[in-house]
PDB file of N, CA and C in Angstrom:
ATOM      1  N   MET A   1      51.993 168.730-261.967  1.00  0.00           N
ATOM      2  CA  MET A   1      51.911 169.207-260.547  1.00  0.00           C
ATOM      3  C   MET A   1      51.751 167.894-259.716  1.00  0.00           C
ATOM      4  N   ALA A   2      53.147 168.512-258.659  1.00  0.00           N
ATOM      5  CA  ALA A   2      53.677 167.545-257.749  1.00  0.00           C
ATOM      6  C   ALA A   2      52.239 167.528-256.471  1.00  0.00           C
ATOM      7  N   GLU A   3      52.345 166.066-255.870  1.00  0.00           N
ATOM      8  CA  GLU A   3      51.894 165.526-254.633  1.00  0.00           C
ATOM      9  C   GLU A   3      52.697 165.243-253.803  1.00  0.00           C
ATOM     10  N   ARG A   4      52.580 165.039-252.123  1.00  0.00           N
ATOM     11  CA  ARG A   4      52.957 164.752-251.344  1.00  0.00           C
ATOM     12  C   ARG A   4      51.917 164.367-250.493  1.00  0.00           C
ATOM     13  N   ARG A   5      51.888 163.322-249.881  1.00  0.00           N
ATOM     14  CA  ARG A   5      50.996 162.970-248.668  1.00  0.00           C
ATOM     15  C   ARG A   5      51.507 162.869-247.100  1.00  0.00           C
ATOM     16  N   VAL A   6      51.472 163.471-245.977  1.00  0.00           N
ATOM     17  CA  VAL A   6      52.383 163.586-245.309  1.00  0.00           C
ATOM     18  C   VAL A   6      51.546 163.572-243.586  1.00  0.00           C
ATOM     19  N   THR A   7      52.116 162.395-242.524  1.00  0.00           N
ATOM     20  CA  THR A   7      51.391 162.354-241.493  1.00  0.00           C
ATOM     21  C   THR A   7      52.151 163.358-240.593  1.00  0.00           C
ATOM     22  N   VAL A   8      51.121 164.618-240.191  1.00  0.00           N
ATOM     23  CA  VAL A   8      51.885 165.758-239.163  1.00  0.00           C
ATOM     24  C   VAL A   8      52.179 165.009-237.799  1.00  0.00           C
ATOM     25  N   MET A   9      53.426 165.247-237.299  1.00  0.00           N
ATOM     26  CA  MET A   9      54.129 164.207-236.144  1.00  0.00           C
ATOM     27  C   MET A   9      53.898 165.153-234.762  1.00  0.00           C
ATOM     28  N   ALA A  10      54.177 166.285-235.158  1.00  0.00           N
ATOM     29  CA  ALA A  10      54.135 167.957-234.159  1.00  0.00           C
ATOM     30  C   ALA A  10      53.491 167.312-233.281  1.00  0.00           C
ATOM     31  N   GLU A  11      53.655 167.296-231.949  1.00  0.00           N
ATOM     32  CA  GLU A  11      52.867 167.621-230.558  1.00  0.00           C
ATOM     33  C   GLU A  11      51.389 168.489-230.601  1.00  0.00           C
ATOM     34  N   VAL A  12      51.785 169.523-231.211  1.00  0.00           N
ATOM     35  CA  VAL A  12      50.744 170.368-231.513  1.00  0.00           C
ATOM     36  C   VAL A  12      50.489 170.497-233.179  1.00  0.00           C
ATOM     37  N   GLY A  13      50.160 169.824-233.812  1.00  0.00           N
ATOM     38  CA  GLY A  13      49.889 169.764-234.957  1.00  0.00           C
ATOM     39  C   GLY A  13      50.387 170.742-235.823  1.00  0.00           C
ATOM     40  N   LEU A  14      49.244 171.081-236.803  1.00  0.00           N
ATOM     41  CA  LEU A  14      49.811 172.041-237.828  1.00  0.00           C
ATOM     42  C   LEU A  14      49.526 173.179-237.427  1.00  0.00           C
ATOM     43  N   HIS A  15      49.964 173.740-236.107  1.00  0.00           N
ATOM     44  CA  HIS A  15      49.858 175.057-235.226  1.00  0.00           C
ATOM     45  C   HIS A  15      51.169 175.429-235.036  1.00  0.00           C
ATOM     46  N   ALA A  16      50.793 176.659-234.617  1.00  0.00           N
ATOM     47  CA  ALA A  16      51.774 177.899-233.776  1.00  0.00           C
ATOM     48  C   ALA A  16      53.039 177.657-235.132  1.00  0.00           C
ATOM     49  N   ARG A  17      54.228 177.602-233.755  1.00  0.00           N
ATOM     50  CA  ARG A  17      55.637 177.483-235.614  1.00  0.00           C
ATOM     51  C   ARG A  17      55.746 176.497-236.084  1.00  0.00           C
ATOM     52  N   PRO A  18      54.975 175.633-236.080  1.00  0.00           N
ATOM     53  CA  PRO A  18      55.546 174.550-237.112  1.00  0.00           C
ATOM     54  C   PRO A  18      54.150 175.073-238.574  1.00  0.00           C
ATOM     55  N   ALA A  19      53.726 175.562-238.027  1.00  0.00           N
ATOM     56  CA  ALA A  19      52.470 176.249-239.039  1.00  0.00           C
ATOM     57  C   ALA A  19      53.315 177.602-239.656  1.00  0.00           C
ATOM     58  N   ALA A  20      53.762 178.519-238.465  1.00  0.00           N
ATOM     59  CA  ALA A  20      54.708 179.713-239.233  1.00  0.00           C
ATOM     60  C   ALA A  20      55.933 179.065-240.213  1.00  0.00           C
ATOM     61  N   THR A  21      56.422 177.902-240.119  1.00  0.00           N
ATOM     62  CA  THR A  21      57.674 177.739-240.498  1.00  0.00           C
ATOM     63  C   THR A  21      57.227 177.415-241.983  1.00  0.00           C
ATOM     64  N   PHE A  22      55.645 176.413-242.282  1.00  0.00           N
ATOM     65  CA  PHE A  22      55.609 175.856-243.199  1.00  0.00           C
ATOM     66  C   PHE A  22      55.164 176.997-244.123  1.00  0.00           C
ATOM     67  N   VAL A  23      54.341 177.726-243.189  1.00  0.00           N
ATOM     68  CA  VAL A  23      54.171 178.925-244.518  1.00  0.00           C
ATOM     69  C   VAL A  23      55.015 179.972-244.818  1.00  0.00           C
ATOM     70  N   GLN A  24      56.001 179.885-244.009  1.00  0.00           N
ATOM     71  CA  GLN A  24      57.371 180.737-244.544  1.00  0.00           C
ATOM     72  C   GLN A  24      58.049 180.221-245.479  1.00  0.00           C
ATOM     73  N   THR A  25      58.087 178.909-245.650  1.00  0.00           N
ATOM     74  CA  THR A  25      58.654 177.882-246.896  1.00  0.00           C
ATOM     75  C   THR A  25      58.362 177.821-247.966  1.00  0.00           C
ATOM     76  N   ALA A  26      56.679 177.780-247.921  1.00  0.00           N
ATOM     77  CA  ALA A  26      55.668 177.851-249.049  1.00  0.00           C
ATOM     78  C   ALA A  26      56.058 179.356-249.553  1.00  0.00           C
ATOM     79  N   ALA A  27      55.842 179.868-248.864  1.00  0.00           N
ATOM     80  CA  ALA A  27      55.398 181.954-249.358  1.00  0.00           C
ATOM     81  C   ALA A  27      57.271 182.141-250.428  1.00  0.00           C
ATOM     82  N   LYS A  28      58.123 181.554-249.893  1.00  0.00           N
ATOM     83  CA  LYS A  28      59.591 181.545-250.522  1.00  0.00           C
ATOM     84  C   LYS A  28      59.442 181.603-252.114  1.00  0.00           C
ATOM     85  N   VAL A  29      58.766 180.507-252.418  1.00  0.00           N
ATOM     86  CA  VAL A  29      58.480 180.205-253.943  1.00  0.00           C
ATOM     87  C   VAL A  29      57.793 180.576-254.794  1.00  0.00           C
ATOM     88  N   ASN A  30      58.282 180.930-255.971  1.00  0.00           N
ATOM     89  CA  ASN A  30      57.166 181.275-256.598  1.00  0.00           C
ATOM     90  C   ASN A  30      56.337 180.607-257.976  1.00  0.00           C
ATOM     91  N   LEU A  31      55.761 179.496-256.561  1.00  0.00           N
ATOM     92  CA  LEU A  31      54.885 178.584-257.144  1.00  0.00           C
ATOM     93  C   LEU A  31      53.299 178.696-256.356  1.00  0.00           C
ATOM     94  N   ASP A  32      52.410 177.915-257.092  1.00  0.00           N
ATOM     95  CA  ASP A  32      51.143 177.571-256.289  1.00  0.00           C
ATOM     96  C   ASP A  32      51.185 176.505-255.740  1.00  0.00           C
ATOM     97  N   VAL A  33      50.714 176.681-254.033  1.00  0.00           N
ATOM     98  CA  VAL A  33      51.222 175.415-253.160  1.00  0.00           C
ATOM     99  C   VAL A  33      50.199 175.737-252.269  1.00  0.00           C
ATOM    100  N   THR A  34      49.614 174.295-252.393  1.00  0.00           N
ATOM    101  CA  THR A  34      47.990 174.170-251.417  1.00  0.00           C
ATOM    102  C   THR A  34      48.373 173.061-250.394  1.00  0.00           C
ATOM    103  N   VAL A  35      47.285 173.415-249.457  1.00  0.00           N
ATOM    104  CA  VAL A  35      48.156 172.431-248.266  1.00  0.00           C
ATOM    105  C   VAL A  35      46.129 171.553-248.040  1.00  0.00           C
ATOM    106  N   GLY A  36      45.481 170.559-247.600  1.00  0.00           N
ATOM    107  CA  GLY A  36      45.032 170.145-247.419  1.00  0.00           C
ATOM    108  C   GLY A  36      44.721 168.965-246.315  1.00  0.00           C
ATOM    109  N   LYS A  37      43.636 168.795-245.398  1.00  0.00           N
ATOM    110  CA  LYS A  37      43.533 167.101-244.872  1.00  0.00           C
ATOM    111  C   LYS A  37      43.151 166.264-245.986  1.00  0.00           C
ATOM    112  N   LEU A  38      43.498 164.998-245.397  1.00  0.00           N
ATOM    113  CA  LEU A  38      43.499 164.260-246.816  1.00  0.00           C
ATOM    114  C   LEU A  38      41.459 164.007-246.554  1.00  0.00           C
ATOM    115  N   GLY A  39      41.359 164.081-247.977  1.00  0.00           N
ATOM    116  CA  GLY A  39      40.085 163.698-248.537  1.00  0.00           C
ATOM    117  C   GLY A  39      38.990 165.149-248.780  1.00  0.00           C
ATOM    118  N   GLY A  40      39.789 166.149-247.659  1.00  0.00           N
ATOM    119  CA  GLY A  40      39.155 167.811-247.636  1.00  0.00           C
ATOM    120  C   GLY A  40      39.552 168.806-248.759  1.00  0.00           C
ATOM    121  N   GLN A  41      39.506 170.019-248.212  1.00  0.00           N
ATOM    122  CA  GLN A  41      38.825 171.087-249.050  1.00  0.00           C
ATOM    123  C   GLN A  41      40.611 171.830-249.452  1.00  0.00           C
ATOM    124  N   PRO A  42      41.486 171.912-250.308  1.00  0.00           N
ATOM    125  CA  PRO A  42      42.689 172.412-250.431  1.00  0.00           C
ATOM    126  C   PRO A  42      43.023 173.946-249.962  1.00  0.00           C
ATOM    127  N   VAL A  43      43.918 174.336-249.139  1.00  0.00           N
ATOM    128  CA  VAL A  43      44.150 175.945-248.874  1.00  0.00           C
ATOM    129  C   VAL A  43      45.074 176.444-249.469  1.00  0.00           C
ATOM    130  N   ASN A  44      45.394 177.672-249.770  1.00  0.00           N
ATOM    131  CA  ASN A  44      46.101 178.174-250.235  1.00  0.00           C
ATOM    132  C   ASN A  44      47.717 177.716-248.834  1.00  0.00           C
ATOM    133  N   ALA A  45      48.771 177.042-249.236  1.00  0.00           N
ATOM    134  CA  ALA A  45      49.513 176.871-248.223  1.00  0.00           C
ATOM    135  C   ALA A  45      50.659 178.356-247.946  1.00  0.00           C
ATOM    136  N   LYS A  46      50.289 179.674-248.330  1.00  0.00           N
ATOM    137  CA  LYS A  46      51.047 180.625-248.191  1.00  0.00           C
ATOM    138  C   LYS A  46      50.075 181.587-247.210  1.00  0.00           C
ATOM    139  N   SER A  47      48.991 181.288-246.647  1.00  0.00           N
ATOM    140  CA  SER A  47      48.475 182.160-245.897  1.00  0.00           C
ATOM    141  C   SER A  47      48.492 181.527-244.665  1.00  0.00           C
ATOM    142  N   ILE A  48      48.807 182.141-243.617  1.00  0.00           N
ATOM    143  CA  ILE A  48      48.767 181.483-242.223  1.00  0.00           C
ATOM    144  C   ILE A  48      47.272 181.110-241.702  1.00  0.00           C
ATOM    145  N   LEU A  49      46.130 182.271-242.011  1.00  0.00           N
ATOM    146  CA  LEU A  49      45.115 182.012-241.522  1.00  0.00           C
ATOM    147  C   LEU A  49      44.478 180.482-241.971  1.00  0.00           C
ATOM    148  N   SER A  50      44.644 180.697-243.403  1.00  0.00           N
ATOM    149  CA  SER A  50      43.895 179.521-243.911  1.00  0.00           C
ATOM    150  C   SER A  50      45.077 178.042-243.719  1.00  0.00           C
ATOM    151  N   VAL A  51      45.802 178.199-242.949  1.00  0.00           N
ATOM    152  CA  VAL A  51      46.429 176.976-242.993  1.00  0.00           C
ATOM    153  C   VAL A  51      46.091 176.427-240.933  1.00  0.00           C
ATOM    154  N   LEU A  52      46.220 177.250-240.221  1.00  0.00           N
ATOM    155  CA  LEU A  52      45.565 177.263-239.366  1.00  0.00           C
ATOM    156  C   LEU A  52      43.923 177.217-239.079  1.00  0.00           C
ATOM    157  N   ALA A  53      43.257 177.660-240.046  1.00  0.00           N
ATOM    158  CA  ALA A  53      41.950 176.927-239.649  1.00  0.00           C
ATOM    159  C   ALA A  53      41.484 175.690-240.771  1.00  0.00           C
ATOM    160  N   LEU A  54      42.715 174.927-240.614  1.00  0.00           N
ATOM    161  CA  LEU A  54      42.167 173.684-241.355  1.00  0.00           C
ATOM    162  C   LEU A  54      42.469 172.893-239.860  1.00  0.00           C
ATOM    163  N   ASP A  55      43.105 173.093-238.997  1.00  0.00           N
ATOM    164  CA  ASP A  55      43.188 172.670-237.511  1.00  0.00           C
ATOM    165  C   ASP A  55      43.626 170.950-237.553  1.00  0.00           C
ATOM    166  N   VAL A  56      44.763 171.072-238.361  1.00  0.00           N
ATOM    167  CA  VAL A  56      45.737 169.713-238.424  1.00  0.00           C
ATOM    168  C   VAL A  56      45.942 169.380-237.356  1.00  0.00           C
ATOM    169  N   ARG A  57      45.933 168.136-236.951  1.00  0.00           N
ATOM    170  CA  ARG A  57      46.298 167.756-235.596  1.00  0.00           C
ATOM    171  C   ARG A  57      47.363 166.493-235.385  1.00  0.00           C
ATOM    172  N   GLN A  58      47.780 166.056-234.606  1.00  0.00           N
ATOM    173  CA  GLN A  58      48.813 165.541-234.453  1.00  0.00           C
ATOM    174  C   GLN A  58      48.049 163.961-234.737  1.00  0.00           C
ATOM    175  N   GLY A  59      49.022 163.611-235.848  1.00  0.00           N
ATOM    176  CA  GLY A  59      48.357 162.094-236.437  1.00  0.00           C
ATOM    177  C   GLY A  59      47.429 162.245-237.516  1.00  0.00           C
ATOM    178  N   GLU A  60      47.369 163.438-237.702  1.00  0.00           N
ATOM    179  CA  GLU A  60      46.631 163.546-239.365  1.00  0.00           C
ATOM    180  C   GLU A  60      47.281 163.915-240.261  1.00  0.00           C
ATOM    181  N   THR A  61      46.632 163.008-241.655  1.00  0.00           N
ATOM    182  CA  THR A  61      47.569 162.989-242.808  1.00  0.00           C
ATOM    183  C   THR A  61      46.830 164.158-243.738  1.00  0.00           C
ATOM    184  N   ILE A  62      48.131 165.076-244.082  1.00  0.00           N
ATOM    185  CA  ILE A  62      47.719 166.055-245.176  1.00  0.00           C
ATOM    186  C   ILE A  62      48.100 166.139-246.913  1.00  0.00           C
ATOM    187  N   VAL A  63      47.530 166.553-247.662  1.00  0.00           N
ATOM    188  CA  VAL A  63      47.981 166.335-249.012  1.00  0.00           C
ATOM    189  C   VAL A  63      48.384 167.886-249.219  1.00  0.00           C
ATOM    190  N   ILE A  64      49.662 167.417-249.479  1.00  0.00           N
ATOM    191  CA  ILE A  64      50.465 169.117-250.298  1.00  0.00           C
ATOM    192  C   ILE A  64      50.601 169.461-251.734  1.00  0.00           C
ATOM    193  N   THR A  65      50.216 169.933-252.803  1.00  0.00           N
ATOM    194  CA  THR A  65      50.876 170.061-253.958  1.00  0.00           C
ATOM    195  C   THR A  65      51.521 171.526-254.162  1.00  0.00           C
ATOM    196  N   ALA A  66      52.222 171.136-255.381  1.00  0.00           N
ATOM    197  CA  ALA A  66      52.942 172.814-255.886  1.00  0.00           C
ATOM    198  C   ALA A  66      52.453 172.023-257.595  1.00  0.00           C
ATOM    199  N   ASP A  67      52.403 173.471-257.190  1.00  0.00           N
ATOM    200  CA  ASP A  67      52.769 173.247-259.507  1.00  0.00           C
ATOM    201  C   ASP A  67      53.626 174.301-259.641  1.00  0.00           C
ATOM    202  N   GLY A  68      54.731 173.650-260.853  1.00  0.00           N
ATOM    203  CA  GLY A  68      55.565 175.018-261.510  1.00  0.00           C
ATOM    204  C   GLY A  68      57.056 173.857-261.264  1.00  0.00           C
ATOM    205  N   GLU A  69      58.268 174.544-262.130  1.00  0.00           N
ATOM    206  CA  GLU A  69      59.375 174.460-261.864  1.00  0.00           C
ATOM    207  C   GLU A  69      59.910 174.311-260.273  1.00  0.00           C
ATOM    208  N   GLY A  70      60.402 173.265-259.753  1.00  0.00           N
ATOM    209  CA  GLY A  70      60.842 173.131-258.861  1.00  0.00           C
ATOM    210  C   GLY A  70      59.861 172.590-257.792  1.00  0.00           C
ATOM    211  N   ALA A  71      58.872 172.228-258.038  1.00  0.00           N
ATOM    212  CA  ALA A  71      58.004 171.831-256.613  1.00  0.00           C
ATOM    213  C   ALA A  71      58.263 170.660-255.970  1.00  0.00           C
ATOM    214  N   ASP A  72      58.849 169.805-256.717  1.00  0.00           N
ATOM    215  CA  ASP A  72      59.463 168.486-255.764  1.00  0.00           C
ATOM    216  C   ASP A  72      60.123 169.250-254.824  1.00  0.00           C
ATOM    217  N   GLU A  73      61.400 169.994-255.004  1.00  0.00           N
ATOM    218  CA  GLU A  73      62.044 170.332-254.157  1.00  0.00           C
ATOM    219  C   GLU A  73      61.291 171.153-252.741  1.00  0.00           C
ATOM    220  N   VAL A  74      60.299 171.729-252.938  1.00  0.00           N
ATOM    221  CA  VAL A  74      59.706 172.483-252.024  1.00  0.00           C
ATOM    222  C   VAL A  74      58.805 171.869-251.138  1.00  0.00           C
ATOM    223  N   LEU A  75      58.387 170.651-251.808  1.00  0.00           N
ATOM    224  CA  LEU A  75      57.197 169.684-251.428  1.00  0.00           C
ATOM    225  C   LEU A  75      58.294 169.298-250.405  1.00  0.00           C
ATOM    226  N   ASP A  76      59.626 168.243-250.883  1.00  0.00           N
ATOM    227  CA  ASP A  76      60.142 167.738-250.026  1.00  0.00           C
ATOM    228  C   ASP A  76      60.562 168.362-248.821  1.00  0.00           C
ATOM    229  N   THR A  77      60.546 169.758-248.508  1.00  0.00           N
ATOM    230  CA  THR A  77      60.783 170.604-247.558  1.00  0.00           C
ATOM    231  C   THR A  77      59.673 170.452-246.514  1.00  0.00           C
ATOM    232  N   LEU A  78      58.447 170.886-247.279  1.00  0.00           N
ATOM    233  CA  LEU A  78      57.157 171.256-246.731  1.00  0.00           C
ATOM    234  C   LEU A  78      57.224 169.576-245.919  1.00  0.00           C
ATOM    235  N   VAL A  79      57.559 168.455-246.370  1.00  0.00           N
ATOM    236  CA  VAL A  79      56.809 167.104-245.718  1.00  0.00           C
ATOM    237  C   VAL A  79      57.696 166.954-244.705  1.00  0.00           C
ATOM    238  N   ALA A  80      59.090 167.521-244.595  1.00  0.00           N
ATOM    239  CA  ALA A  80      60.243 167.344-243.319  1.00  0.00           C
ATOM    240  C   ALA A  80      59.455 168.385-242.532  1.00  0.00           C
ATOM    241  N   ILE A  81      58.947 169.421-242.801  1.00  0.00           N
ATOM    242  CA  ILE A  81      58.794 170.223-241.804  1.00  0.00           C
ATOM    243  C   ILE A  81      57.236 169.854-241.257  1.00  0.00           C
ATOM    244  N   ALA A  82      56.523 168.888-241.775  1.00  0.00           N
ATOM    245  CA  ALA A  82      54.942 168.408-241.221  1.00  0.00           C
ATOM    246  C   ALA A  82      55.415 167.122-240.585  1.00  0.00           C
ATOM    247  N   ALA A  83      56.436 166.375-240.944  1.00  0.00           N
ATOM    248  CA  ALA A  83      56.762 165.042-240.376  1.00  0.00           C
ATOM    249  C   ALA A  83      57.484 165.317-238.970  1.00  0.00           C
ATOM    250  N   ALA A  84      57.883 166.322-238.669  1.00  0.00           N
ATOM    251  CA  ALA A  84      59.301 167.074-237.968  1.00  0.00           C
ATOM    252  C   ALA A  84      58.183 166.564-236.067  1.00  0.00           C
ATOM    253  N   PRO A  85      58.797 166.108-235.223  1.00  0.00           N
ATOM    254  CA  PRO A  85      57.733 165.657-234.396  1.00  0.00           C
ATOM    255  C   PRO A  85      58.101 167.035-233.529  1.00  0.00           C
TER     256      PRO A  85
END
């Protein structure tokens, strides 16, 4: 299992368009992918409702995990989405 921590930089946090892009990217891979606030309970990163329910705001740190072949590549892409201003 691979893990990345990233500070969300989008002004709207991980909501609206950034959340949709994040979920669509996670859904493209045949891996278990989770996301959660640092110290919080992770959720399925392929579920838009679960990701939005996290209520991640700008400046908060999230933890993204993926398990399986290609995990590092998908995590690098998801980190880039979350870190984009």
